[in-house]
N, C-alpha and C. Protein backbone atom coordinates (compact mmCIF):
# COMPACT_ATOMS: atom_id res chain seq x y z
N MET A 1 0.92 -1.35 -0.42
CA MET A 1 -0.03 0.02 -0.26
C MET A 1 1.14 1.18 0.00
N ARG A 2 2.19 0.83 0.81
CA ARG A 2 3.27 2.03 0.47
C ARG A 2 3.39 2.89 -1.05
N LEU A 3 3.57 2.33 -1.79
CA LEU A 3 3.14 2.20 -3.38
C LEU A 3 3.08 3.12 -3.82
N ILE A 4 1.42 2.62 -3.63
CA ILE A 4 -0.03 3.88 -4.05
C ILE A 4 0.02 5.13 -3.78
N THR A 5 0.01 4.93 -1.97
CA THR A 5 0.32 5.67 -2.00
C THR A 5 1.72 7.08 -2.07
N TRP A 6 2.27 6.70 -2.51
CA TRP A 6 3.92 7.59 -2.58
C TRP A 6 3.29 7.95 -4.25
N ILE A 7 3.19 7.16 -4.76
CA ILE A 7 3.02 7.06 -6.74
C ILE A 7 1.59 8.29 -6.36
N ASN A 8 0.54 8.25 -5.32
CA ASN A 8 -0.65 9.57 -5.25
C ASN A 8 -0.29 10.50 -5.09
N SER A 9 1.42 11.29 -3.94
CA SER A 9 1.28 11.90 -3.84
C SER A 9 2.77 12.74 -4.91
N LYS A 10 2.90 12.11 -5.60
CA LYS A 10 3.12 13.03 -6.49
C LYS A 10 2.60 12.87 -8.37
N LEU A 11 1.69 12.16 -8.25
CA LEU A 11 0.34 12.51 -8.96
C LEU A 11 0.09 13.73 -8.58
N ASN A 12 0.13 14.20 -7.55
CA ASN A 12 -0.61 16.32 -7.26
C ASN A 12 0.32 17.00 -7.85
N LYS A 13 1.66 16.19 -7.41
CA LYS A 13 2.62 17.55 -8.98
C LYS A 13 2.21 17.73 -9.99
N ILE A 14 1.50 16.71 -10.43
CA ILE A 14 1.02 17.28 -11.57
C ILE A 14 0.38 17.90 -12.54
N ASP A 15 0.77 19.13 -13.38
CA ASP A 15 -0.46 19.26 -14.37
C ASP A 15 -0.67 19.18 -15.15
N SER A 16 -2.20 19.96 -16.14
CA SER A 16 -2.49 18.89 -17.14
C SER A 16 -1.38 19.42 -17.87
N ILE A 17 -0.09 20.28 -18.03
CA ILE A 17 1.09 20.84 -18.77
C ILE A 17 1.65 19.54 -18.92
N ASP A 18 2.10 18.77 -17.91
CA ASP A 18 3.08 17.78 -18.18
C ASP A 18 2.72 16.40 -18.96
N ILE A 19 1.16 16.45 -18.26
CA ILE A 19 0.72 15.72 -19.11
C ILE A 19 0.76 15.02 -20.01
N LEU A 20 0.38 16.63 -20.85
CA LEU A 20 0.80 17.20 -22.45
C LEU A 20 1.63 16.60 -23.12
N PHE A 21 3.43 17.10 -22.25
CA PHE A 21 4.28 16.21 -23.09
C PHE A 21 4.62 15.29 -22.14
N VAL A 22 4.07 14.66 -21.59
CA VAL A 22 4.12 13.33 -21.54
C VAL A 22 3.07 12.23 -22.90
N LYS A 23 2.58 12.99 -22.96
CA LYS A 23 1.34 12.37 -24.97
C LYS A 23 2.04 12.33 -26.06
N ILE A 24 2.77 14.03 -26.49
CA ILE A 24 3.88 14.59 -27.32
C ILE A 24 5.25 13.43 -27.53
N SER A 25 5.48 13.37 -25.84
CA SER A 25 6.66 12.34 -25.94
C SER A 25 6.37 11.43 -26.63
N CYS A 26 5.28 10.19 -26.27
CA CYS A 26 4.63 9.25 -26.23
C CYS A 26 4.73 9.04 -28.17
N LEU A 27 4.17 10.04 -28.40
CA LEU A 27 3.97 10.42 -30.42
C LEU A 27 5.10 9.90 -30.83
N ALA A 28 5.99 11.23 -30.39
CA ALA A 28 7.37 11.32 -31.03
C ALA A 28 8.36 9.75 -30.99
N PHE A 29 7.54 9.46 -29.56
CA PHE A 29 8.28 7.74 -29.88
C PHE A 29 7.95 6.83 -31.16
N GLY A 30 6.21 6.69 -30.69
CA GLY A 30 5.56 5.98 -31.51
C GLY A 30 6.57 6.79 -33.27
N ILE A 31 6.36 7.15 -33.49
CA ILE A 31 7.22 8.56 -35.11
C ILE A 31 8.38 7.35 -34.76
N ILE A 32 9.30 7.43 -34.38
CA ILE A 32 10.63 7.10 -34.00
C ILE A 32 10.61 5.84 -34.23
N LEU A 33 9.62 4.93 -33.91
CA LEU A 33 9.69 3.54 -33.41
C LEU A 33 8.69 3.29 -35.03
N ALA A 34 8.27 3.95 -35.89
CA ALA A 34 7.74 3.94 -37.21
C ALA A 34 8.60 3.88 -38.51
N ARG A 35 9.59 5.04 -37.72
CA ARG A 35 10.59 5.39 -38.60
C ARG A 35 12.65 4.08 -39.03
N LEU A 36 12.45 3.79 -37.82
CA LEU A 36 12.88 2.65 -37.26
C LEU A 36 12.80 0.87 -37.57
N ILE A 37 11.33 0.53 -37.51
CA ILE A 37 10.12 -0.24 -38.09
C ILE A 37 9.64 -0.27 -39.66
N PRO A 38 9.97 -0.03 -40.33
CA PRO A 38 8.34 0.17 -41.76
C PRO A 38 7.81 -0.29 -41.23
N VAL A 39 7.92 -1.83 -40.99
CA VAL A 39 6.39 -2.67 -41.80
C VAL A 39 5.32 -2.40 -40.26
N LEU A 40 5.61 -1.13 -39.34
CA LEU A 40 4.41 -1.22 -38.70
C LEU A 40 3.32 -0.12 -38.95
N THR A 41 4.52 0.66 -40.30
CA THR A 41 3.35 2.13 -41.07
C THR A 41 2.36 0.91 -42.35
N GLU A 42 2.55 0.05 -42.71
CA GLU A 42 2.48 -0.51 -43.47
C GLU A 42 0.93 -1.31 -41.64
N ILE A 43 0.06 -1.64 -41.23
CA ILE A 43 -0.22 -2.05 -40.75
C ILE A 43 -2.04 -1.42 -40.92
N ASN A 44 -3.19 -2.59 -40.77
CA ASN A 44 -4.31 -1.66 -42.32
C ASN A 44 -4.94 -1.05 -40.27
N ILE A 45 -5.21 0.02 -41.11
CA ILE A 45 -5.63 1.28 -39.80
C ILE A 45 -7.07 0.88 -39.53
N TRP A 46 -7.72 -0.38 -40.21
CA TRP A 46 -8.49 -0.50 -39.57
C TRP A 46 -7.97 -1.42 -37.48
N TRP A 47 -7.13 -2.30 -37.66
CA TRP A 47 -6.34 -2.11 -37.16
C TRP A 47 -6.27 -1.72 -35.21
N LEU A 48 -5.55 -0.33 -36.13
CA LEU A 48 -5.21 0.96 -34.92
C LEU A 48 -7.20 1.28 -34.87
N VAL A 49 -8.36 1.61 -35.39
CA VAL A 49 -9.39 2.04 -34.84
C VAL A 49 -9.75 1.34 -33.97
N ILE A 50 -9.57 -0.35 -34.55
CA ILE A 50 -10.29 -0.84 -33.01
C ILE A 50 -9.35 -1.30 -31.45
N LEU A 51 -7.73 -0.37 -32.06
CA LEU A 51 -6.86 -0.89 -31.01
C LEU A 51 -7.04 0.42 -30.43
N GLY A 52 -7.57 1.62 -30.28
CA GLY A 52 -7.64 2.89 -30.00
C GLY A 52 -9.29 2.81 -29.50
N ILE A 53 -9.59 2.48 -29.54
CA ILE A 53 -10.82 2.49 -29.30
C ILE A 53 -11.24 1.53 -27.77
N ALA A 54 -10.39 0.23 -27.49
CA ALA A 54 -10.51 -0.71 -26.96
C ALA A 54 -9.49 -0.61 -26.23
N LEU A 55 -9.24 0.56 -26.38
CA LEU A 55 -7.69 0.41 -24.88
C LEU A 55 -9.18 2.37 -24.49
N ALA A 56 -9.30 2.87 -25.37
CA ALA A 56 -10.55 4.08 -24.53
C ALA A 56 -11.42 3.56 -23.56
N ILE A 57 -11.97 2.51 -23.76
CA ILE A 57 -13.11 2.15 -23.26
C ILE A 57 -12.84 1.97 -22.18
N LYS A 58 -11.78 1.78 -20.98
CA LYS A 58 -11.96 1.75 -19.53
C LYS A 58 -11.85 3.19 -19.06
N PRO A 59 -10.91 4.23 -19.32
CA PRO A 59 -10.27 5.20 -18.93
C PRO A 59 -12.06 6.22 -19.62
N LEU A 60 -12.80 5.49 -20.26
CA LEU A 60 -13.74 6.17 -21.04
C LEU A 60 -15.02 6.06 -20.01
N PHE A 61 -14.75 4.74 -19.76
CA PHE A 61 -15.69 4.38 -18.85
C PHE A 61 -15.87 4.97 -16.97
N LYS A 62 -14.73 5.50 -16.43
CA LYS A 62 -14.27 5.29 -15.01
C LYS A 62 -14.36 6.14 -15.21
N PHE A 63 -14.65 7.86 -16.44
CA PHE A 63 -14.65 8.99 -16.57
C PHE A 63 -15.98 9.10 -16.41
N PHE A 64 -17.31 8.61 -16.55
CA PHE A 64 -17.95 8.61 -16.71
C PHE A 64 -19.14 8.19 -15.82
N SER A 65 -18.72 7.27 -15.14
CA SER A 65 -19.23 7.40 -14.67
C SER A 65 -18.58 7.45 -12.62
N LYS A 66 -20.22 6.96 -11.99
CA LYS A 66 -20.21 7.55 -10.92
C LYS A 66 -20.67 9.68 -10.61
């Protein structure tokens, strides 16, 4: 339980700009990865759409519940 308390204390220090920077860095990492492994760019777009929707379900459900 101490780990969760420590993480929550650290999360209270970040703001929306920090989250934006994390998202942009993940985007940059994805672009670099696609440049290094070109076969990743040949994936059908619908698989990426399905993956995006599947990964968004839990956070959206958590956001709109309660």
